Each structure stands twice: as C-alpha cells, then as structure tokens.
Protein backbone atom coordinates (compact mmCIF):
# COMPACT_ATOMS: atom_id res chain seq x y z
CA UNK A 1 24.20 -9.90 6.06
CA UNK A 2 22.01 -9.05 9.17
CA UNK A 3 23.43 -6.32 11.62
CA UNK A 4 22.07 -5.19 15.03
CA UNK A 5 20.69 -2.23 16.00
CA UNK A 6 19.35 0.08 18.82
CA UNK A 7 15.66 -0.54 19.53
CA UNK A 8 14.90 2.94 20.02
CA UNK A 9 15.12 4.88 16.83
CA UNK A 10 15.88 8.73 17.45
CA UNK A 11 19.46 9.79 16.71
CA UNK A 12 22.27 11.00 19.61
CA UNK A 13 22.60 14.99 20.00
CA UNK A 14 24.80 16.29 17.80
CA UNK A 15 28.48 17.24 19.67
CA UNK A 16 31.06 18.43 17.01
CA UNK A 17 31.08 20.37 13.82
CA UNK A 18 30.35 18.82 10.15
CA UNK A 19 33.49 17.27 8.66
CA UNK A 20 35.63 19.61 6.70
CA UNK A 21 38.93 18.53 4.84
CA UNK A 22 39.71 15.38 7.01
CA UNK A 23 42.43 14.04 9.10
CA UNK A 24 42.29 10.51 10.81
CA UNK A 25 41.43 12.11 13.89
CA UNK A 26 38.23 11.92 15.86
CA UNK A 27 37.45 15.57 15.22
CA UNK A 28 36.17 16.12 11.99
CA UNK A 29 38.20 15.83 9.24
CA UNK A 30 40.14 18.99 7.33
CA UNK A 31 41.78 18.77 3.96
CA UNK A 32 45.02 17.08 5.08
CA UNK A 33 45.08 13.57 4.78
CA UNK A 34 44.87 11.03 7.83
CA UNK A 35 48.28 10.44 8.02
CA UNK A 36 50.64 12.48 6.18
CA UNK A 37 49.91 15.11 3.62
CA UNK A 38 47.33 14.22 1.31
CA UNK A 39 48.61 12.97 -1.65
CA UNK A 40 48.39 14.78 -5.33
CA UNK A 41 45.29 14.18 -6.70
CA UNK A 42 46.70 11.58 -9.04
CA UNK A 43 44.75 9.38 -11.34
CA UNK A 44 43.45 6.52 -9.40
CA UNK A 45 46.33 3.29 -9.72
CA UNK A 46 43.68 1.61 -11.91
CA UNK A 47 43.12 4.33 -14.99
CA UNK A 48 39.39 5.24 -14.60
CA UNK A 49 37.07 4.21 -17.63
CA UNK A 50 36.35 7.17 -20.20
CA UNK A 51 33.03 8.28 -19.82
CA UNK A 52 30.50 7.11 -22.24
CA UNK A 53 28.08 9.70 -24.31
CA UNK A 54 24.72 8.40 -22.74
CA UNK A 55 23.84 10.19 -19.51
CA UNK A 56 24.59 7.82 -16.66
CA UNK A 57 22.22 5.55 -14.59
CA UNK A 58 20.97 7.30 -11.53
CA UNK A 59 18.57 6.17 -8.74
CA UNK A 60 15.17 7.04 -9.94
CA UNK A 61 12.30 7.06 -10.51
CA UNK A 62 11.80 3.21 -11.15
CA UNK A 63 9.99 2.60 -14.41
CA UNK A 64 6.55 1.75 -14.05
CA UNK A 65 6.95 1.88 -10.22
CA UNK A 66 4.63 5.38 -9.67
CA UNK A 67 4.84 5.09 -6.17
CA UNK A 68 2.88 8.51 -5.63
CA UNK A 69 -0.14 6.62 -7.47
CA UNK A 70 0.03 3.16 -6.08
CA UNK A 71 -3.16 1.98 -4.34
CA UNK A 72 -3.39 1.50 -0.98
CA UNK A 73 -2.64 -1.99 0.06
CA UNK A 74 -3.78 -3.68 3.26
CA UNK A 75 -1.14 -3.93 5.81
CA UNK A 76 -0.24 -6.44 8.33
CA UNK A 77 -0.20 -5.76 12.10
CA UNK A 78 2.84 -4.41 13.43
CA UNK A 79 5.04 -6.20 15.76
CA UNK A 80 6.54 -5.27 19.09
CA UNK A 81 10.10 -3.28 18.45
CA UNK A 82 11.05 -5.78 21.69
CA UNK A 83 10.90 -9.20 19.56
CA UNK A 84 14.35 -11.23 20.57
CA UNK A 85 17.20 -10.47 18.00
CA UNK A 86 18.49 -14.17 17.09
CA UNK A 87 14.91 -15.27 16.82
CA UNK A 88 13.94 -16.68 20.26
CA UNK A 89 10.68 -17.24 21.31
CA UNK A 90 9.26 -15.03 23.50
CA UNK A 91 7.31 -16.97 26.37
CA UNK A 92 4.50 -13.71 26.88
CA UNK A 93 1.27 -14.44 27.13
CA UNK A 94 -0.69 -12.68 23.81
CA UNK A 95 -4.73 -11.89 23.61
CA UNK A 96 -5.97 -11.78 20.20
CA UNK A 97 -7.19 -7.89 19.10
CA UNK A 98 -7.21 -8.45 15.52
CA UNK A 99 -10.06 -8.63 13.45
CA UNK A 100 -10.73 -9.57 9.80
CA UNK A 101 -13.17 -6.71 9.23
CA UNK A 102 -11.74 -3.78 10.14
CA UNK A 103 -8.00 -3.01 10.48
CA UNK A 104 -5.98 -3.22 13.97
CA UNK A 105 -4.52 -0.23 15.40
CA UNK A 106 -1.37 0.03 13.81
CA UNK A 107 0.22 0.94 17.16
CA UNK A 108 -1.43 -2.38 18.80
CA UNK A 109 0.35 -5.40 19.53
CA UNK A 110 -1.32 -8.71 20.27
CA UNK A 111 -0.54 -8.90 23.56
CA UNK A 112 -2.03 -5.08 24.22
CA UNK A 113 1.42 -3.44 24.19
CA UNK A 114 2.41 -1.09 21.63
CA UNK A 115 5.36 -0.85 19.25
CA UNK A 116 6.67 2.71 18.04
CA UNK A 117 4.73 4.31 15.65
CA UNK A 118 5.45 5.38 12.52
CA UNK A 119 6.31 9.38 13.69
CA UNK A 120 9.67 6.96 15.41
CA UNK A 121 11.10 6.13 12.15
CA UNK A 122 13.47 9.06 10.50
CA UNK A 123 12.88 9.72 6.61
CA UNK A 124 16.77 8.02 6.87
CA UNK A 125 18.99 6.24 9.36
CA UNK A 126 21.75 7.65 7.67
CA UNK A 127 25.02 9.08 9.87
CA UNK A 128 25.42 12.97 9.07
CA UNK A 129 28.10 15.43 10.28
CA UNK A 130 25.89 16.66 12.99
CA UNK A 131 25.67 13.45 14.66
CA UNK A 132 28.72 12.07 17.00
CA UNK A 133 31.43 10.77 14.98
CA UNK A 134 32.62 7.99 17.10
CA UNK A 135 35.39 5.83 16.02
CA UNK A 136 35.04 7.10 12.51
CA UNK A 137 38.21 9.20 10.94
CA UNK A 138 37.36 11.35 7.94
CA UNK A 139 39.68 11.58 4.61
CA UNK A 140 38.83 13.47 1.77
CA UNK A 141 39.49 12.68 -2.05
CA UNK A 142 38.69 14.05 -5.48
CA UNK A 143 38.24 17.65 -4.17
CA UNK A 144 39.82 19.05 -7.22
CA UNK A 145 39.44 16.86 -9.86
CA UNK A 146 36.60 14.59 -10.57
CA UNK A 147 36.17 11.06 -10.01
CA UNK A 148 34.47 8.95 -12.95
CA UNK A 149 32.76 6.08 -12.41
CA UNK A 150 32.75 2.54 -13.92
CA UNK A 151 29.39 2.70 -15.17
CA UNK A 152 29.76 6.58 -15.97
CA UNK A 153 28.81 9.28 -13.25
CA UNK A 154 31.13 11.49 -12.23
CA UNK A 155 31.68 12.28 -8.28
CA UNK A 156 33.45 15.83 -6.82
CA UNK A 157 34.83 15.76 -3.33
CA UNK A 158 34.47 12.62 -1.85
CA UNK A 159 34.26 11.78 1.98
CA UNK A 160 35.50 8.18 3.20
CA UNK A 161 34.61 7.11 6.56
CA UNK A 162 37.49 4.67 8.19
CA UNK A 163 38.12 2.98 11.42
CA UNK A 164 41.23 1.67 12.34
CA UNK A 165 43.16 -0.51 15.20
CA UNK A 166 46.49 -1.18 15.84
CA UNK A 167 49.74 0.66 14.98
CA UNK A 168 51.22 0.48 11.64
CA UNK A 169 54.46 -0.63 11.69
CA UNK A 170 57.27 1.87 10.37
CA UNK A 171 57.45 0.15 7.08
CA UNK A 172 53.40 -0.03 6.70
CA UNK A 173 54.00 -4.18 6.15
CA UNK A 174 51.65 -4.94 8.69
CA UNK A 175 47.92 -3.29 7.14
CA UNK A 176 45.18 -5.65 6.91
CA UNK A 177 41.78 -4.35 4.99
CA UNK A 178 38.29 -5.75 6.33
CA UNK A 179 35.51 -4.94 3.69
CA UNK A 180 32.03 -4.74 5.32
CA UNK A 181 29.19 -6.76 3.88
CA UNK A 182 25.60 -5.20 2.65
CA UNK A 183 24.32 -3.13 5.79
CA UNK A 184 27.79 -2.95 7.56
CA UNK A 185 30.14 -0.57 7.87
CA UNK A 186 33.57 0.81 9.44
CA UNK A 187 32.90 -0.24 12.78
CA UNK A 188 33.94 -4.15 12.80
CA UNK A 189 35.03 -4.04 16.11
CA UNK A 190 34.07 -1.96 19.21
CA UNK A 191 31.04 -1.25 20.81
CA UNK A 192 27.88 0.33 21.02
CA UNK A 193 28.60 4.33 21.65
CA UNK A 194 27.50 7.56 20.59
CA UNK A 195 27.40 7.99 16.93
CA UNK A 196 28.00 3.98 16.80
CA UNK A 197 24.22 2.50 16.89
CA UNK A 198 25.31 -1.08 16.73
CA UNK A 199 28.28 -3.22 18.00
CA UNK A 200 31.22 -3.97 15.63
CA UNK A 201 29.98 -6.68 13.26
CA UNK A 202 33.04 -8.62 13.47
CA UNK A 203 34.43 -7.81 17.08
CA UNK A 204 35.05 -11.48 18.36
CA UNK A 205 37.54 -11.67 15.07
CA UNK A 206 39.25 -7.89 15.38
CA UNK A 207 41.10 -7.46 18.59
CA UNK A 208 43.68 -8.00 20.64
CA UNK A 209 44.84 -12.12 21.08
CA UNK A 210 42.01 -12.39 18.41
CA UNK A 211 41.93 -14.07 15.15
CA UNK A 212 43.06 -10.84 13.24
CA UNK A 213 45.44 -9.57 16.48
CA UNK A 214 45.44 -5.80 16.72
CA UNK A 215 48.67 -6.41 18.90
CA UNK A 216 50.08 -7.39 15.50
CA UNK A 217 48.21 -6.23 12.59
CA UNK A 218 46.90 -2.61 11.38
CA UNK A 219 43.61 -2.87 11.02
CA UNK A 220 41.45 -0.65 8.34
CA UNK A 221 37.48 -1.10 7.45
CA UNK A 222 36.05 2.26 5.38
CA UNK A 223 32.49 2.70 5.21
CA UNK A 224 31.77 1.92 0.85
CA UNK A 225 31.34 4.37 -1.65
CA UNK A 226 27.12 4.99 -1.72
CA UNK A 227 26.60 3.67 1.91
CA UNK A 228 25.01 5.72 4.76
CA UNK A 229 27.62 5.80 7.58
CA UNK A 230 30.04 8.77 6.85
CA UNK A 231 31.02 7.67 3.26
CA UNK A 232 29.77 9.80 -0.17
CA UNK A 233 26.06 8.46 -0.45
CA UNK A 234 23.26 9.44 -1.72
CA UNK A 235 22.21 10.62 1.72
CA UNK A 236 25.12 13.26 1.69
CA UNK A 237 24.89 16.73 1.01
CA UNK A 238 26.08 17.52 -2.55
CA UNK A 239 29.17 19.73 -2.97
CA UNK A 240 28.19 23.85 -3.87
CA UNK A 241 26.84 23.51 -7.19
CA UNK A 242 24.67 26.30 -8.26
CA UNK A 243 20.53 25.39 -8.08
CA UNK A 244 21.50 21.43 -6.70
CA UNK A 245 19.58 20.30 -4.03
CA UNK A 246 20.83 20.00 -0.42
CA UNK A 247 21.53 16.06 -0.64
CA UNK A 248 22.33 14.03 -3.89
CA UNK A 249 19.25 11.84 -3.40
CA UNK A 250 17.74 10.63 -7.03
CA UNK A 251 21.11 12.35 -8.21
CA UNK A 252 23.58 9.98 -7.14
CA UNK A 253 25.10 8.13 -9.73
CA UNK A 254 25.05 4.27 -9.84
CA UNK A 255 28.17 2.81 -8.53
CA UNK A 256 29.64 -0.62 -8.62
CA UNK A 257 32.20 -2.55 -6.40
CA UNK A 258 35.31 -1.63 -8.71
CA UNK A 259 34.41 2.29 -7.94
CA UNK A 260 34.25 0.90 -4.02
CA UNK A 261 37.93 -0.25 -4.17
CA UNK A 262 39.36 2.52 -6.20
CA UNK A 263 38.21 4.65 -3.55
CA UNK A 264 39.79 2.59 -0.70
CA UNK A 265 43.02 2.50 -2.78
CA UNK A 266 42.87 6.13 -2.11
CA UNK A 267 42.70 5.75 1.23
CA UNK A 268 45.21 3.61 1.22
CA UNK A 269 47.22 5.70 -0.78
CA UNK A 270 46.50 8.57 2.34
CA UNK A 271 47.54 6.15 5.04
CA UNK A 272 51.16 5.04 3.37
CA UNK A 273 49.93 2.09 3.03
CA UNK A 274 51.58 0.72 -0.11
CA UNK A 275 50.27 -3.26 -0.10
CA UNK A 276 48.08 -4.57 2.12
CA UNK A 277 49.61 -7.76 4.12
CA UNK A 278 45.77 -9.29 3.32
CA UNK A 279 42.30 -8.13 2.33
CA UNK A 280 39.29 -10.16 3.78
CA UNK A 281 35.61 -9.37 3.69
CA UNK A 282 32.59 -11.71 3.43
CA UNK A 283 29.59 -11.29 0.93
CA UNK A 284 29.86 -7.75 -0.91
CA UNK A 285 33.16 -7.84 1.16
CA UNK A 286 34.27 -10.87 -0.29
CA UNK A 287 33.33 -9.09 -3.64
CA UNK A 288 35.82 -6.21 -3.02
CA UNK A 289 38.37 -8.43 -1.67
CA UNK A 290 38.68 -10.58 -5.21
CA UNK A 291 38.22 -6.97 -7.09
CA UNK A 292 41.49 -5.59 -4.78
CA UNK A 293 43.23 -8.90 -5.88
CA UNK A 294 42.29 -8.54 -9.97
CA UNK A 295 42.92 -4.26 -10.02
CA UNK A 296 45.62 -3.89 -7.75
CA UNK A 297 47.52 -7.49 -7.86
CA UNK A 298 50.67 -5.47 -6.52
CA UNK A 299 49.17 -4.39 -3.57
CA UNK A 300 47.77 -7.45 -2.13
CA UNK A 301 49.80 -9.64 0.03
CA UNK A 302 46.79 -12.57 0.50
CA UNK A 303 43.04 -12.08 0.41
CA UNK A 304 40.16 -13.71 1.93
CA UNK A 305 36.83 -13.17 0.02
CA UNK A 306 34.27 -15.44 1.87
CA UNK A 307 30.44 -16.32 1.37
CA UNK A 308 30.67 -15.20 -1.87
CA UNK A 309 31.12 -15.15 -5.78
CA UNK A 310 32.81 -14.79 -8.85
CA UNK A 311 29.86 -12.90 -10.28
CA UNK A 312 26.26 -12.79 -9.57
CA UNK A 313 23.78 -15.90 -10.90
CA UNK A 314 20.00 -15.08 -12.19
CA UNK A 315 18.66 -15.52 -8.83
CA UNK A 316 20.59 -13.57 -6.62
CA UNK A 317 19.69 -10.88 -8.56
CA UNK A 318 16.20 -12.01 -8.56
CA UNK A 319 16.35 -11.31 -4.40
CA UNK A 320 17.87 -8.24 -4.50
CA UNK A 321 15.87 -6.66 -7.18
CA UNK A 322 12.30 -7.87 -5.01
CA UNK A 323 13.46 -6.08 -2.34
CA UNK A 324 14.44 -2.78 -4.50
CA UNK A 325 11.05 -2.63 -5.95
CA UNK A 326 8.97 -2.78 -2.35
CA UNK A 327 11.25 0.37 -1.84
CA UNK A 328 10.55 2.25 -4.97
CA UNK A 329 6.93 1.39 -4.40
CA UNK A 330 6.58 2.56 -1.38
CA UNK A 331 4.96 6.10 -1.39
CA UNK A 332 7.61 7.53 1.04
CA UNK A 333 10.53 6.94 -1.05
CA UNK A 334 9.39 10.06 -3.45
CA UNK A 335 11.37 8.88 -6.03
CA UNK A 336 14.78 8.73 -3.82
CA UNK A 337 14.04 12.50 -2.77
CA UNK A 338 12.62 12.06 0.95
CA UNK A 339 15.07 13.45 3.05
CA UNK A 340 13.01 16.57 3.67
CA UNK A 341 10.30 14.30 4.94
CA UNK A 342 8.69 14.68 8.27
CA UNK A 343 9.48 11.71 10.85
CA UNK A 344 7.39 8.65 9.90
CA UNK A 345 6.57 9.48 6.56
CA UNK A 346 9.97 8.06 4.56
CA UNK A 347 10.47 5.02 2.87
CA UNK A 348 10.63 2.90 6.11
CA UNK A 349 7.79 0.43 5.18
CA UNK A 350 9.30 -0.40 2.10
CA UNK A 351 12.82 -0.74 3.37
CA UNK A 352 11.50 -2.85 6.24
CA UNK A 353 9.94 -5.18 3.65
CA UNK A 354 13.21 -5.24 1.41
CA UNK A 355 14.65 -6.56 4.79
CA UNK A 356 12.56 -9.04 5.20
CA UNK A 357 12.82 -10.50 1.73
CA UNK A 358 16.64 -10.51 2.50
CA UNK A 359 16.41 -11.99 5.99
CA UNK A 360 15.21 -14.72 4.67
CA UNK A 361 17.82 -15.54 2.34
CA UNK A 362 20.48 -14.96 5.80
CA UNK A 363 19.04 -18.02 7.11
CA UNK A 364 18.31 -21.85 6.50
CA UNK A 365 14.98 -23.58 7.05
CA UNK A 366 16.85 -26.00 9.80
CA UNK A 367 17.43 -22.56 11.96
CA UNK A 368 13.58 -21.36 10.80
CA UNK A 369 12.39 -24.52 11.36
CA UNK A 370 14.22 -25.29 14.54
CA UNK A 371 13.39 -21.53 16.53
CA UNK A 372 9.95 -21.17 15.13
CA UNK A 373 8.38 -23.99 14.01
CA UNK A 374 4.60 -23.30 13.20
CA UNK A 375 4.18 -21.63 16.44
CA UNK A 376 1.61 -18.38 16.65
CA UNK A 377 1.57 -15.11 17.89
CA UNK A 378 -2.09 -14.54 17.70
CA UNK A 379 -4.02 -17.97 19.06
CA UNK A 380 -5.08 -19.60 15.56
CA UNK A 381 -8.51 -21.20 16.31
CA UNK A 382 -11.78 -20.57 15.16
CA UNK A 383 -12.54 -17.78 13.51
CA UNK A 384 -9.03 -17.64 11.41
CA UNK A 385 -8.30 -14.33 10.55
CA UNK A 386 -6.09 -12.72 8.05
CA UNK A 387 -3.31 -10.98 9.60
CA UNK A 388 -3.36 -13.87 12.85
CA UNK A 389 0.67 -14.33 12.58
CA UNK A 390 3.17 -16.86 13.30
CA UNK A 391 6.25 -16.35 15.44
CA UNK A 392 8.73 -16.19 12.26
CA UNK A 393 6.53 -13.27 10.51
CA UNK A 394 6.97 -11.32 14.00
CA UNK A 395 11.05 -11.87 13.65
CA UNK A 396 11.36 -10.78 10.16
CA UNK A 397 9.05 -7.80 11.02
CA UNK A 398 11.28 -7.06 13.78
CA UNK A 399 14.33 -7.19 11.60
CA UNK A 400 12.64 -4.94 8.75
CA UNK A 401 12.00 -2.08 11.57
CA UNK A 402 15.81 -2.57 13.17
CA UNK A 403 17.10 -1.61 9.45
CA UNK A 404 15.06 1.23 8.92
CA UNK A 405 15.81 3.03 11.84
CA UNK A 406 19.68 2.69 11.21
CA UNK A 407 19.54 2.52 6.87
CA UNK A 408 19.33 4.63 4.25
CA UNK A 409 16.55 3.33 1.83
CA UNK A 410 18.48 5.02 -1.28
CA UNK A 411 21.72 3.14 -0.10
CA UNK A 412 20.14 -0.19 0.02
CA UNK A 413 19.12 0.67 -3.47
CA UNK A 414 22.48 1.16 -4.87
CA UNK A 415 24.41 -1.12 -3.18
CA UNK A 416 22.62 -4.12 -3.81
CA UNK A 417 22.25 -3.08 -7.40
CA UNK A 418 26.48 -3.00 -7.30
CA UNK A 419 26.22 -6.35 -5.54
CA UNK A 420 23.94 -7.44 -8.93
CA UNK A 421 26.50 -5.99 -11.32
CA UNK A 422 29.15 -7.78 -9.60
CA UNK A 423 31.06 -9.77 -12.48
CA UNK A 424 34.58 -10.39 -12.51
CA UNK A 425 34.97 -11.30 -16.02
CA UNK A 426 33.22 -7.91 -17.10
CA UNK A 427 35.38 -6.47 -19.67
CA UNK A 428 38.27 -8.41 -18.78
CA UNK A 429 37.25 -11.60 -21.23
CA UNK A 430 35.68 -13.82 -18.60
CA UNK A 431 36.43 -14.51 -14.90
CA UNK A 432 39.05 -17.20 -15.90
CA UNK A 433 41.22 -14.47 -17.64
CA UNK A 434 40.55 -11.72 -14.80
CA UNK A 435 41.91 -14.33 -12.25
CA UNK A 436 44.89 -14.71 -14.03
CA UNK A 437 45.94 -11.13 -12.84
CA UNK A 438 45.76 -12.69 -9.21
CA UNK A 439 49.12 -12.78 -7.55
CA UNK A 440 48.39 -13.42 -4.05
CA UNK A 441 47.77 -16.63 -2.03
CA UNK A 442 43.76 -17.23 -1.41
CA UNK A 443 41.64 -18.57 1.46
CA UNK A 444 38.18 -18.95 -0.12
CA UNK A 445 35.23 -20.18 2.62
CA UNK A 446 32.16 -20.91 1.83
CA UNK A 447 29.02 -22.28 4.50
CA UNK A 448 27.34 -25.64 3.94
CA UNK A 449 23.83 -24.30 4.37
CA UNK A 450 24.15 -20.64 2.42
CA UNK A 451 21.72 -20.37 -0.14
CA UNK A 452 22.71 -16.66 -1.10
CA UNK A 453 26.06 -17.30 -2.42
CA UNK A 454 25.72 -21.33 -2.12
CA UNK A 455 29.08 -23.13 -1.60
CA UNK A 456 29.28 -24.17 -4.75
CA UNK A 457 30.37 -20.68 -5.96
CA UNK A 458 33.28 -20.54 -3.59
CA UNK A 459 34.65 -24.02 -4.54
CA UNK A 460 34.00 -23.06 -8.19
CA UNK A 461 36.04 -19.79 -7.24
CA UNK A 462 38.74 -22.11 -5.91
CA UNK A 463 38.74 -23.70 -8.89
CA UNK A 464 38.88 -20.34 -11.24
CA UNK A 465 42.34 -19.33 -9.22
CA UNK A 466 44.05 -22.62 -9.11
CA UNK A 467 43.77 -22.98 -13.00
CA UNK A 468 44.64 -19.20 -13.32
CA UNK A 469 48.27 -20.60 -11.35
CA UNK A 470 47.16 -18.59 -7.75
CA UNK A 471 47.76 -20.75 -4.63
CA UNK A 472 44.30 -21.32 -3.40
CA UNK A 473 42.82 -23.36 -0.40
CA UNK A 474 38.76 -24.02 0.13
CA UNK A 475 37.61 -23.96 3.85
CA UNK A 476 34.11 -25.17 4.17
CA UNK A 477 32.03 -23.72 7.61
CA UNK A 478 29.62 -26.35 8.78
CA UNK A 479 26.69 -23.90 10.04
CA UNK A 480 23.23 -24.43 10.07
CA UNK A 481 22.75 -20.75 10.06
CA UNK A 482 23.22 -19.86 6.18
CA UNK A 483 24.52 -16.66 4.74
CA UNK A 484 25.15 -15.37 8.16
CA UNK A 485 27.24 -17.60 9.30
CA UNK A 486 30.57 -15.95 8.53
CA UNK A 487 28.90 -13.38 11.07
CA UNK A 488 28.16 -16.37 13.84
CA UNK A 489 30.44 -19.05 13.39
CA UNK A 490 33.69 -16.79 14.39
CA UNK A 491 35.43 -19.30 16.19
CA UNK A 492 35.19 -21.34 12.49
CA UNK A 493 36.14 -18.00 10.72
CA UNK A 494 38.84 -16.89 13.26
CA UNK A 495 40.73 -20.20 12.99
CA UNK A 496 40.99 -19.85 9.23
CA UNK A 497 41.94 -16.61 8.89
CA UNK A 498 44.30 -16.33 11.70
CA UNK A 499 46.06 -19.34 10.31
CA UNK A 500 46.44 -17.83 6.67
CA UNK A 501 47.70 -14.98 8.26
CA UNK A 502 50.25 -16.70 10.42
CA UNK A 503 51.62 -17.92 6.99
CA UNK A 504 52.62 -15.16 5.43
CA UNK A 505 56.17 -14.29 4.95
CA UNK A 506 57.99 -11.49 7.23
CA UNK A 507 54.11 -11.10 8.95
CA UNK A 508 54.78 -10.59 12.78
CA UNK A 509 55.24 -13.48 15.03
CA UNK A 510 55.92 -15.74 11.93
CA UNK A 511 58.07 -18.34 12.59
CA UNK A 512 61.09 -18.67 10.26
CA UNK A 513 62.08 -22.04 9.27
CA UNK A 514 64.39 -22.56 11.84
CA UNK A 515 61.60 -22.30 14.35
CA UNK A 516 62.38 -18.88 15.44
CA UNK A 517 59.58 -16.23 15.29
CA UNK A 518 60.18 -13.65 13.43
CA UNK A 519 60.52 -10.22 15.47
CA UNK A 520 57.05 -7.48 15.08
CA UNK A 521 58.70 -4.49 13.07
CA UNK A 522 58.79 -0.98 14.95
CA UNK A 523 55.12 0.50 15.29
CA UNK A 524 54.50 3.91 15.20
CA UNK A 525 51.73 5.87 15.67
CA UNK A 526 49.68 7.53 13.18
CA UNK A 527 50.56 11.41 13.33
CA UNK A 528 48.13 13.36 13.01
CA UNK A 529 48.18 15.58 10.13
C-alpha cells in the first residue's frame, strides 16, 4: 500500500512529554485505561501460545547479508523531491548533466536543481514520544505480565496508539474497527498536522455522512504491534532492563497478524467494546479482519476484507523478501541497531529501494504505461549513458525517498514478514477448517487489476467462507490502479461498505421490515480516565 507524506524530512518540535500510563486523550498516557479503569491483566481472549524451547526469531542480522563489508555498488543519480505524488508528468525542461565516466553529484538533478542531501534523512521516520501526539490516544497493556507472541517471543509493557471518530453508544453496539495496511497507521481520517505527517489514508471513506458515517458509527483504528507510529515496535524504548539498549532495535521479536489482533482485542476491552459491529481492512488490514473473525468469532458482527488473501503465496513472499534483502544489504542498517546514527547514515537507501520494489506491485502495467510511457527525464540521445532515466524511474525514486522520511526500516522488515507468515490454516487444519469458526457475514472485495493480491484470491476466500457456512458476498472493484485501488476508488469501496453497514440488524438508522428507521442508540462521551 502506498501512502503520502511531507516533502521535508525534519520532525516537528517536541510539544509534550513522553507517554506514561495512558488515557485516550490527547495528553500522554497514564496507567489507566482509555475509557474506564484499566482491565485486570487477564489472559488474552484466545490463549497465548506456549513459549517453545528454541530462542525466538528476531530482526537481525540477516543471514549472509554482511552489510558492513558489502562492496560499494554504483548508485543511480537521485531525483528531485518535487516529483508529482500521483505520477503526473513534470513539464519542466531538463539539462543533461550525467556522465558515464564520472559519478554525478549525488544532490544534483538533471535540470540543475538539488534534491535533499542524505543528511536530510533521519535514521528512522518513526514517531517518538517527544513528537506532537496529533490525534493519537494511547493505551498500555501487559504492564505486569508478559505478552507471549505466537512465534515464541515475549514483550512487556506494550503501548498501543489509536485514533477514534464519532461517539460510542451507551451499549457499545455501534463500534467499527478499521485495520490499516503495511505503511498505514492509526490516522485513517483527518488532516495533516503536528505529529501527523500524512492526511488520513481513508479520509474519503470515514467521516460524517461518508460511507462509514461517524454520525452513526464509533470508528477505531490502531497502529499495529511492531509498527512505528506510536504502538510498541523496534524503534520503541525498551522497558527498564539492566544492561538493555535504549531501543529494541534488533532485539524486537518477530510478530504475526495474530499477535496484532490479540493486542487489538486488549484495546477493545479497555474501550468497553465487547463486540465490533464490523471489522474492515484492506491488504494487511484485510488479514487482520480475517483473523479477528477466526480468533474471536463472537466479537465480530460483520467483516469486510479487501484486496487480501487466506494465505500468502510464493510470489507474494518473493516480492516482500526482495525488499527485506535490500534493507539488510544497506550498511546503514547495522544489523537493526541504527537509531543513534547521525542523520543521513541510517538505512534510508535500503528502505527506499524496498519501497520502489513494492510500489511496482501496487500499480498496474496499464497505469504505468498511460502515465509515463517511454518518457525520459534526461534526453535520450547519443552518447547513451548508464544513468539516463525514464520518467517511471523518477516516480519510483520519489516514492522510495518519501517513505524513508516517515517510516522505520525495522518495522518494514517486521510487518512484511508478518504478511508472509499470514496463513489462516496454520495450526488449524487448513483454511477451510479455520473459516468454519466464522459466524459473521462477510463482504469480500477484490480488484480487477491487482497483481499483488489478485482478485482470484478474494473469490477463493468467498468460496471457502460459503462452504464453511458463512454468508459471503463478493464485490469486484473495477479499476486500472492495481492493488492501491482500495485507497483510490473510494466511490466503489465506500458504496459497498455503506451497504454492508446498513444491512446490519440494529444498526443506527437501519430500516426495519416495516420500513421504519431504527433510531440510533443514545450516545455517550468516552470519559477521561
């Protein structure tokens, strides 16, 4: 999934203290739960897996990567940071300055302008507690007991960053969980602002009068475990442990989609939400929606997985593993412990290449051809030179640089690994057996031009759900935009989601068989803890 971010790499000035025990206000969290006294540290709704004897997998170093001793590779000429976000063509004239003999000035673009120098890239684009909170709210869990992960790792004192919109009904019956994709975060709706480097990634879907109408629904979106925008991840400071480094870095254990969902269940408990009216998400968010329906069938009223799959295929694993290798081969990665590195010496180059690879899979051949064709940046005339670029190359470089400023390389490694590990049938006797646990109606959406998670996987999911006895409906998004269509074709996506929500029994504004609308339940403000 692609995202938008600011052109500048600098962070906003700190405006508040680091979070402590959290409350769901804009202030730093405190020990209390966000809406009511924090629940006792009971075991997760689904029993945590027993910790195996072998040491759990961690971030690094990657086998055979040996980034510190890797030979220097020729670097392509960098590009201006002003390339159009959506791939539009830049009509400005260009002047060739590249040489096939001597490397070009790494900060000089072919038209004579300069892109930000490497020193403008922070070692990590992760949000930190010294940054403005923006619209984030916080909750802490596993404060006084270990949180055992599916793969055998253990975490303590987990902070969850989330945002919410609308008002929770007195009986908590109008809650909708929206799950984000790989490089998304809790900021699903809203504007750019202090602490929020991008606009809401689904701002056209969530809000008053929109498909997920916040005049009717209380909507929650949380940053996933292992992420880098407020929830505990590799860039987070470790709980006080003698001799431990300040940040997790390479010591952060591998997480799975199931681990993410168990943390979200803790958040739901803290908010007083026993059952979600619906769980919705695209791409990695769709994987979370599916795991919610399998792990907690009594807590999901409806689900809407979009552009996702029952389990990762070999080709999907190949795509993501290539990006991980690009990060591991960047000397600036330092085996995962780079957070104290000076600006410009972190793994921004490796993360940018990883993003360039994934950006290719997010769009389609038709979109690339229509937007760029064979248009060039530097004039293509003899003598041909190695680093003369096509416009599509500049587009990919722009998106790579943009992600490197707002995301964390270790989180990218962890979350793409979680997507590769996604398999509904693992340990459950296969996907069909797992989906027999689902009790909620499902709206499954695929995209006609998706090459990353092709539409056949969504149709396969509908077939598996139907054979398992769950009502399932398939909607295909007709779009040339590829996998990213679930972020672009908001009219099609929104219409299908609105229809699903309107069909739920007892939904605010739902029309009963006699045609009379069901009044919304009384709403209440979530009190500060």
